[in-house]
Amino acid sequence: MPIEPPKFNREFRDGLEQLFVWRRDVRRFRSDPIADSVLEELLSLANLAPSVGNSQPWRWVKVDSQEARRSIRENFEAANATAGNIYSGTARADYAKLKLEGLREAPVQFAVFCDEETLQGRGLGRQSMPEMLAYSSVISVHGFWLAARSRGIGVGWLSILDPDAVTACLDVPASWKFVAYLCVGYPVEEHTDPELVRADWQERAPLRLIER
């Protein structure tokens, strides 16, 4: 039975815009723990994300063990060294100075995977675009990110990793595709501008709408 939708007033919309502005990629975290009840709430909200065919293909893995975290750090260090090799001269020196992760500081860390063989959803909507499963998982990450930020919690998405090594390290099914590694915690400092802008790496560009 249809229900009456909520009325989102101007105050709500202004707050939502602020949330988008304050949603920054955080790499500098305090050591303060996050209550399990808060994490459960955030994951419940992430699970509300839309998904192709109602498949809910996201698989969240909480990375707690020191052994697993050490393996992830070693993975990053190797991948980061390789990534730095594409630059030369001043750009390479600039890259080396960037802080690109919070692996040692973040009290909570998640690896997010996409189950590419899930039976949920019965294959609807992904016959011509199977990547829609991964896109759905990304939306779950974004929902978590916004929900966390609304509670003063920061999230950093680390992409400089070997996906196969992450999958092997965390011993997950081979059908799970690695999507994101998230560092989560309360930020050391607050900013509305991206760290890469503050580091003079790259300015943000306005959206350019293309019409056909």
C-alpha atoms as a PDB file:
ATOM      1  CA  MET A   1       0.000   0.000   0.000  1.00  0.00           C
ATOM      2  CA  PRO A   2       1.439   3.427  -0.937  1.00  0.00           C
ATOM      3  CA  ILE A   3       2.462   5.651   1.943  1.00  0.00           C
ATOM      4  CA  GLU A   4       2.845   9.409   2.215  1.00  0.00           C
ATOM      5  CA  PRO A   5       6.463  10.446   1.482  1.00  0.00           C
ATOM      6  CA  PRO A   6       8.302  12.688   3.966  1.00  0.00           C
ATOM      7  CA  LYS A   7       8.439  16.428   3.332  1.00  0.00           C
ATOM      8  CA  PHE A   8      12.064  17.488   2.914  1.00  0.00           C
ATOM      9  CA  ASN A   9      12.188  21.180   3.771  1.00  0.00           C
ATOM     10  CA  ARG A  10      14.799  23.794   2.929  1.00  0.00           C
ATOM     11  CA  GLU A  11      16.630  23.235   6.209  1.00  0.00           C
ATOM     12  CA  PHE A  12      17.032  19.546   5.389  1.00  0.00           C
ATOM     13  CA  ARG A  13      18.247  20.294   1.868  1.00  0.00           C
ATOM     14  CA  ASP A  14      20.774  22.818   3.177  1.00  0.00           C
ATOM     15  CA  GLY A  15      22.016  20.221   5.659  1.00  0.00           C
ATOM     16  CA  LEU A  16      22.300  17.619   2.921  1.00  0.00           C
ATOM     17  CA  GLU A  17      24.358  20.010   0.808  1.00  0.00           C
ATOM     18  CA  GLN A  18      26.666  20.613   3.775  1.00  0.00           C
ATOM     19  CA  LEU A  19      27.037  16.866   4.210  1.00  0.00           C
ATOM     20  CA  PHE A  20      28.175  16.528   0.592  1.00  0.00           C
ATOM     21  CA  VAL A  21      30.642  19.385   1.071  1.00  0.00           C
ATOM     22  CA  TRP A  22      32.039  17.925   4.303  1.00  0.00           C
ATOM     23  CA  ARG A  23      32.346  14.410   2.867  1.00  0.00           C
ATOM     24  CA  ARG A  24      36.079  14.413   2.400  1.00  0.00           C
ATOM     25  CA  ASP A  25      38.556  11.579   1.976  1.00  0.00           C
ATOM     26  CA  VAL A  26      40.202  11.379   5.424  1.00  0.00           C
ATOM     27  CA  ARG A  27      43.723  10.051   5.921  1.00  0.00           C
ATOM     28  CA  ARG A  28      44.562  11.463   9.356  1.00  0.00           C
ATOM     29  CA  PHE A  29      42.668   9.782  12.182  1.00  0.00           C
ATOM     30  CA  ARG A  30      42.485   9.970  15.948  1.00  0.00           C
ATOM     31  CA  SER A  31      42.842   6.710  17.834  1.00  0.00           C
ATOM     32  CA  ASP A  32      39.454   7.066  19.567  1.00  0.00           C
ATOM     33  CA  PRO A  33      37.424   3.865  19.175  1.00  0.00           C
ATOM     34  CA  ILE A  34      34.037   3.806  17.456  1.00  0.00           C
ATOM     35  CA  ALA A  35      31.267   2.067  19.370  1.00  0.00           C
ATOM     36  CA  ASP A  36      30.084  -1.215  17.892  1.00  0.00           C
ATOM     37  CA  SER A  37      26.505   0.057  18.021  1.00  0.00           C
ATOM     38  CA  VAL A  38      27.463   3.008  15.809  1.00  0.00           C
ATOM     39  CA  LEU A  39      29.211   0.747  13.291  1.00  0.00           C
ATOM     40  CA  GLU A  40      26.175  -1.531  13.192  1.00  0.00           C
ATOM     41  CA  GLU A  41      23.964   1.462  12.509  1.00  0.00           C
ATOM     42  CA  LEU A  42      26.231   2.682   9.705  1.00  0.00           C
ATOM     43  CA  LEU A  43      26.326  -0.756   8.086  1.00  0.00           C
ATOM     44  CA  SER A  44      22.546  -1.004   8.298  1.00  0.00           C
ATOM     45  CA  LEU A  45      22.300   2.277   6.416  1.00  0.00           C
ATOM     46  CA  ALA A  46      24.867   1.085   3.850  1.00  0.00           C
ATOM     47  CA  ASN A  47      22.657  -1.943   3.320  1.00  0.00           C
ATOM     48  CA  LEU A  48      19.806   0.349   2.218  1.00  0.00           C
ATOM     49  CA  ALA A  49      21.702   1.207  -0.979  1.00  0.00           C
ATOM     50  CA  PRO A  50      19.949   0.527  -4.281  1.00  0.00           C
ATOM     51  CA  SER A  51      21.276  -2.426  -6.250  1.00  0.00           C
ATOM     52  CA  VAL A  52      20.761  -3.912  -9.682  1.00  0.00           C
ATOM     53  CA  GLY A  53      17.913  -6.415  -9.569  1.00  0.00           C
ATOM     54  CA  ASN A  54      17.752  -5.968  -5.769  1.00  0.00           C
ATOM     55  CA  SER A  55      20.844  -8.173  -5.660  1.00  0.00           C
ATOM     56  CA  GLN A  56      22.624  -6.490  -2.709  1.00  0.00           C
ATOM     57  CA  PRO A  57      25.980  -7.872  -3.912  1.00  0.00           C
ATOM     58  CA  TRP A  58      28.145  -5.978  -1.392  1.00  0.00           C
ATOM     59  CA  ARG A  59      30.125  -8.034   1.088  1.00  0.00           C
ATOM     60  CA  TRP A  60      31.670  -6.088   3.990  1.00  0.00           C
ATOM     61  CA  VAL A  61      34.700  -7.564   5.782  1.00  0.00           C
ATOM     62  CA  LYS A  62      35.936  -5.934   9.000  1.00  0.00           C
ATOM     63  CA  VAL A  63      39.728  -6.159   9.128  1.00  0.00           C
ATOM     64  CA  ASP A  64      40.798  -6.387  12.763  1.00  0.00           C
ATOM     65  CA  SER A  65      43.742  -8.758  13.061  1.00  0.00           C
ATOM     66  CA  GLN A  66      47.241  -7.313  13.232  1.00  0.00           C
ATOM     67  CA  GLU A  67      48.421  -9.923  10.740  1.00  0.00           C
ATOM     68  CA  ALA A  68      45.844  -8.910   8.134  1.00  0.00           C
ATOM     69  CA  ARG A  69      46.470  -5.207   8.673  1.00  0.00           C
ATOM     70  CA  ARG A  70      50.220  -5.709   8.332  1.00  0.00           C
ATOM     71  CA  SER A  71      49.649  -7.551   5.059  1.00  0.00           C
ATOM     72  CA  ILE A  72      47.475  -4.694   3.778  1.00  0.00           C
ATOM     73  CA  ARG A  73      50.155  -2.134   4.701  1.00  0.00           C
ATOM     74  CA  GLU A  74      52.821  -4.147   2.895  1.00  0.00           C
ATOM     75  CA  ASN A  75      50.484  -4.436  -0.088  1.00  0.00           C
ATOM     76  CA  PHE A  76      50.044  -0.656  -0.134  1.00  0.00           C
ATOM     77  CA  GLU A  77      53.759   0.045   0.166  1.00  0.00           C
ATOM     78  CA  ALA A  78      54.533  -2.176  -2.830  1.00  0.00           C
ATOM     79  CA  ALA A  79      51.655  -0.812  -4.930  1.00  0.00           C
ATOM     80  CA  ASN A  80      52.513   2.767  -4.008  1.00  0.00           C
ATOM     81  CA  ALA A  81      56.140   2.324  -5.067  1.00  0.00           C
ATOM     82  CA  THR A  82      54.963   1.021  -8.429  1.00  0.00           C
ATOM     83  CA  ALA A  83      52.420   3.828  -8.806  1.00  0.00           C
ATOM     84  CA  GLY A  84      55.076   6.457  -8.109  1.00  0.00           C
ATOM     85  CA  ASN A  85      57.165   5.182 -11.009  1.00  0.00           C
ATOM     86  CA  ILE A  86      54.798   6.636 -13.602  1.00  0.00           C
ATOM     87  CA  TYR A  87      55.933  10.132 -12.585  1.00  0.00           C
ATOM     88  CA  SER A  88      59.262  11.813 -13.097  1.00  0.00           C
ATOM     89  CA  GLY A  89      61.057  14.932 -11.931  1.00  0.00           C
ATOM     90  CA  THR A  90      59.083  17.336  -9.766  1.00  0.00           C
ATOM     91  CA  ALA A  91      55.851  15.361 -10.122  1.00  0.00           C
ATOM     92  CA  ARG A  92      57.515  12.265  -8.692  1.00  0.00           C
ATOM     93  CA  ALA A  93      58.848  14.232  -5.747  1.00  0.00           C
ATOM     94  CA  ASP A  94      55.407  15.758  -5.188  1.00  0.00           C
ATOM     95  CA  TYR A  95      53.808  12.322  -5.269  1.00  0.00           C
ATOM     96  CA  ALA A  96      56.264  10.971  -2.706  1.00  0.00           C
ATOM     97  CA  LYS A  97      55.238  13.701  -0.250  1.00  0.00           C
ATOM     98  CA  LEU A  98      51.518  12.926  -0.389  1.00  0.00           C
ATOM     99  CA  LYS A  99      49.814  11.118   2.483  1.00  0.00           C
ATOM    100  CA  LEU A 100      47.592   8.649   0.682  1.00  0.00           C
ATOM    101  CA  GLU A 101      46.397   6.337   3.470  1.00  0.00           C
ATOM    102  CA  GLY A 102      45.609   6.092   7.160  1.00  0.00           C
ATOM    103  CA  LEU A 103      46.399   2.429   7.655  1.00  0.00           C
ATOM    104  CA  ARG A 104      48.410   2.835  10.837  1.00  0.00           C
ATOM    105  CA  GLU A 105      46.052   5.301  12.470  1.00  0.00           C
ATOM    106  CA  ALA A 106      42.489   4.296  11.525  1.00  0.00           C
ATOM    107  CA  PRO A 107      40.892   2.332  14.383  1.00  0.00           C
ATOM    108  CA  VAL A 108      38.369   0.646  12.069  1.00  0.00           C
ATOM    109  CA  GLN A 109      39.079  -0.805   8.634  1.00  0.00           C
ATOM    110  CA  PHE A 110      36.808  -2.524   6.134  1.00  0.00           C
ATOM    111  CA  ALA A 111      37.407  -4.318   2.862  1.00  0.00           C
ATOM    112  CA  VAL A 112      34.342  -4.225   0.621  1.00  0.00           C
ATOM    113  CA  PHE A 113      33.809  -6.854  -2.044  1.00  0.00           C
ATOM    114  CA  CYS A 114      31.211  -7.543  -4.724  1.00  0.00           C
ATOM    115  CA  ASP A 115      29.855 -11.076  -4.980  1.00  0.00           C
ATOM    116  CA  GLU A 116      29.790 -11.563  -8.734  1.00  0.00           C
ATOM    117  CA  GLU A 117      28.061 -14.948  -8.456  1.00  0.00           C
ATOM    118  CA  THR A 118      25.268 -13.974  -6.099  1.00  0.00           C
ATOM    119  CA  LEU A 119      21.945 -15.614  -6.871  1.00  0.00           C
ATOM    120  CA  GLN A 120      20.022 -12.798  -5.238  1.00  0.00           C
ATOM    121  CA  GLY A 121      18.366 -10.630  -7.856  1.00  0.00           C
ATOM    122  CA  ARG A 122      18.085 -13.617 -10.236  1.00  0.00           C
ATOM    123  CA  GLY A 123      20.347 -11.931 -12.788  1.00  0.00           C
ATOM    124  CA  LEU A 124      17.967  -9.056 -13.473  1.00  0.00           C
ATOM    125  CA  GLY A 125      19.571  -5.982 -15.051  1.00  0.00           C
ATOM    126  CA  ARG A 126      23.080  -7.355 -15.413  1.00  0.00           C
ATOM    127  CA  GLN A 127      23.002  -9.478 -18.541  1.00  0.00           C
ATOM    128  CA  SER A 128      24.273  -6.697 -20.780  1.00  0.00           C
ATOM    129  CA  MET A 129      26.104  -4.793 -18.018  1.00  0.00           C
ATOM    130  CA  PRO A 130      27.460  -7.246 -15.414  1.00  0.00           C
ATOM    131  CA  GLU A 131      29.546  -4.416 -13.935  1.00  0.00           C
ATOM    132  CA  MET A 132      26.300  -3.096 -12.431  1.00  0.00           C
ATOM    133  CA  LEU A 133      26.971  -5.419  -9.498  1.00  0.00           C
ATOM    134  CA  ALA A 134      30.199  -3.580  -8.692  1.00  0.00           C
ATOM    135  CA  TYR A 135      28.508  -0.210  -9.237  1.00  0.00           C
ATOM    136  CA  SER A 136      25.838  -1.242  -6.733  1.00  0.00           C
ATOM    137  CA  SER A 137      28.546  -2.075  -4.205  1.00  0.00           C
ATOM    138  CA  VAL A 138      30.095   1.356  -4.707  1.00  0.00           C
ATOM    139  CA  ILE A 139      26.746   2.968  -3.871  1.00  0.00           C
ATOM    140  CA  SER A 140      26.707   0.991  -0.620  1.00  0.00           C
ATOM    141  CA  VAL A 141      30.151   2.423   0.185  1.00  0.00           C
ATOM    142  CA  HIS A 142      28.962   5.944  -0.565  1.00  0.00           C
ATOM    143  CA  GLY A 143      25.922   5.512   1.659  1.00  0.00           C
ATOM    144  CA  PHE A 144      28.166   4.347   4.498  1.00  0.00           C
ATOM    145  CA  TRP A 145      30.489   7.300   3.878  1.00  0.00           C
ATOM    146  CA  LEU A 146      27.746   9.923   4.079  1.00  0.00           C
ATOM    147  CA  ALA A 147      26.151   8.295   7.117  1.00  0.00           C
ATOM    148  CA  ALA A 148      29.525   8.191   8.875  1.00  0.00           C
ATOM    149  CA  ARG A 149      30.267  11.822   8.078  1.00  0.00           C
ATOM    150  CA  SER A 150      26.888  12.910   9.441  1.00  0.00           C
ATOM    151  CA  ARG A 151      28.073  11.487  12.780  1.00  0.00           C
ATOM    152  CA  GLY A 152      31.450  13.223  12.697  1.00  0.00           C
ATOM    153  CA  ILE A 153      33.272  10.084  11.551  1.00  0.00           C
ATOM    154  CA  GLY A 154      35.735  10.245   8.666  1.00  0.00           C
ATOM    155  CA  VAL A 155      36.312   7.689   5.912  1.00  0.00           C
ATOM    156  CA  GLY A 156      39.290   7.236   3.620  1.00  0.00           C
ATOM    157  CA  TRP A 157      39.038   5.083   0.483  1.00  0.00           C
ATOM    158  CA  LEU A 158      42.384   3.457  -0.328  1.00  0.00           C
ATOM    159  CA  SER A 159      42.716   2.288  -3.929  1.00  0.00           C
ATOM    160  CA  ILE A 160      46.496   1.846  -4.147  1.00  0.00           C
ATOM    161  CA  LEU A 161      46.402  -1.880  -3.510  1.00  0.00           C
ATOM    162  CA  ASP A 162      46.800  -5.120  -5.462  1.00  0.00           C
ATOM    163  CA  PRO A 163      43.212  -6.489  -5.499  1.00  0.00           C
ATOM    164  CA  ASP A 164      44.277 -10.125  -5.847  1.00  0.00           C
ATOM    165  CA  ALA A 165      46.599  -9.832  -2.860  1.00  0.00           C
ATOM    166  CA  VAL A 166      43.807  -8.306  -0.754  1.00  0.00           C
ATOM    167  CA  THR A 167      41.473 -11.157  -1.715  1.00  0.00           C
ATOM    168  CA  ALA A 168      44.097 -13.755  -0.816  1.00  0.00           C
ATOM    169  CA  CYS A 169      45.048 -12.025   2.426  1.00  0.00           C
ATOM    170  CA  LEU A 170      41.474 -11.923   3.699  1.00  0.00           C
ATOM    171  CA  ASP A 171      40.660 -15.459   2.487  1.00  0.00           C
ATOM    172  CA  VAL A 172      37.349 -14.594   0.857  1.00  0.00           C
ATOM    173  CA  PRO A 173      35.627 -16.563  -1.940  1.00  0.00           C
ATOM    174  CA  ALA A 174      37.194 -16.267  -5.380  1.00  0.00           C
ATOM    175  CA  SER A 175      33.882 -15.013  -6.771  1.00  0.00           C
ATOM    176  CA  TRP A 176      34.156 -11.866  -4.639  1.00  0.00           C
ATOM    177  CA  LYS A 177      35.633  -8.917  -6.527  1.00  0.00           C
ATOM    178  CA  PHE A 178      37.551  -6.384  -4.431  1.00  0.00           C
ATOM    179  CA  VAL A 179      35.894  -2.958  -4.574  1.00  0.00           C
ATOM    180  CA  ALA A 180      37.181  -0.767  -1.743  1.00  0.00           C
ATOM    181  CA  TYR A 181      39.407  -0.623   1.306  1.00  0.00           C
ATOM    182  CA  LEU A 182      38.097   1.854   3.862  1.00  0.00           C
ATOM    183  CA  CYS A 183      39.884   3.452   6.792  1.00  0.00           C
ATOM    184  CA  VAL A 184      37.353   4.735   9.321  1.00  0.00           C
ATOM    185  CA  GLY A 185      37.735   6.929  12.400  1.00  0.00           C
ATOM    186  CA  TYR A 186      37.360  10.376  13.884  1.00  0.00           C
ATOM    187  CA  PRO A 187      39.442  12.930  11.911  1.00  0.00           C
ATOM    188  CA  VAL A 188      42.421  14.696  13.455  1.00  0.00           C
ATOM    189  CA  GLU A 189      41.386  17.865  11.639  1.00  0.00           C
ATOM    190  CA  GLU A 190      38.390  19.053   9.654  1.00  0.00           C
ATOM    191  CA  HIS A 191      38.428  20.458   6.109  1.00  0.00           C
ATOM    192  CA  THR A 192      35.892  21.133   3.385  1.00  0.00           C
ATOM    193  CA  ASP A 193      38.523  21.014   0.641  1.00  0.00           C
ATOM    194  CA  PRO A 194      40.245  17.805  -0.526  1.00  0.00           C
ATOM    195  CA  GLU A 195      43.707  17.096   0.853  1.00  0.00           C
ATOM    196  CA  LEU A 196      45.069  16.841  -2.691  1.00  0.00           C
ATOM    197  CA  VAL A 197      43.916  20.412  -3.317  1.00  0.00           C
ATOM    198  CA  ARG A 198      45.651  21.604  -0.152  1.00  0.00           C
ATOM    199  CA  ALA A 199      48.791  19.759  -1.258  1.00  0.00           C
ATOM    200  CA  ASP A 200      48.689  21.544  -4.649  1.00  0.00           C
ATOM    201  CA  TRP A 201      48.340  18.241  -6.480  1.00  0.00           C
ATOM    202  CA  GLN A 202      45.120  18.917  -8.359  1.00  0.00           C
ATOM    203  CA  GLU A 203      42.324  21.491  -8.187  1.00  0.00           C
ATOM    204  CA  ARG A 204      38.723  20.404  -8.479  1.00  0.00           C
ATOM    205  CA  ALA A 205      37.060  21.143 -11.806  1.00  0.00           C
ATOM    206  CA  PRO A 206      33.449  22.206 -12.376  1.00  0.00           C
ATOM    207  CA  LEU A 207      31.040  19.742 -13.917  1.00  0.00           C
ATOM    208  CA  ARG A 208      30.773  20.256 -17.678  1.00  0.00           C
ATOM    209  CA  LEU A 209      27.416  19.113 -18.964  1.00  0.00           C
ATOM    210  CA  ILE A 210      27.454  17.608 -22.451  1.00  0.00           C
ATOM    211  CA  GLU A 211      24.247  17.887 -24.460  1.00  0.00           C
ATOM    212  CA  ARG A 212      23.381  15.855 -27.521  1.00  0.00           C
END
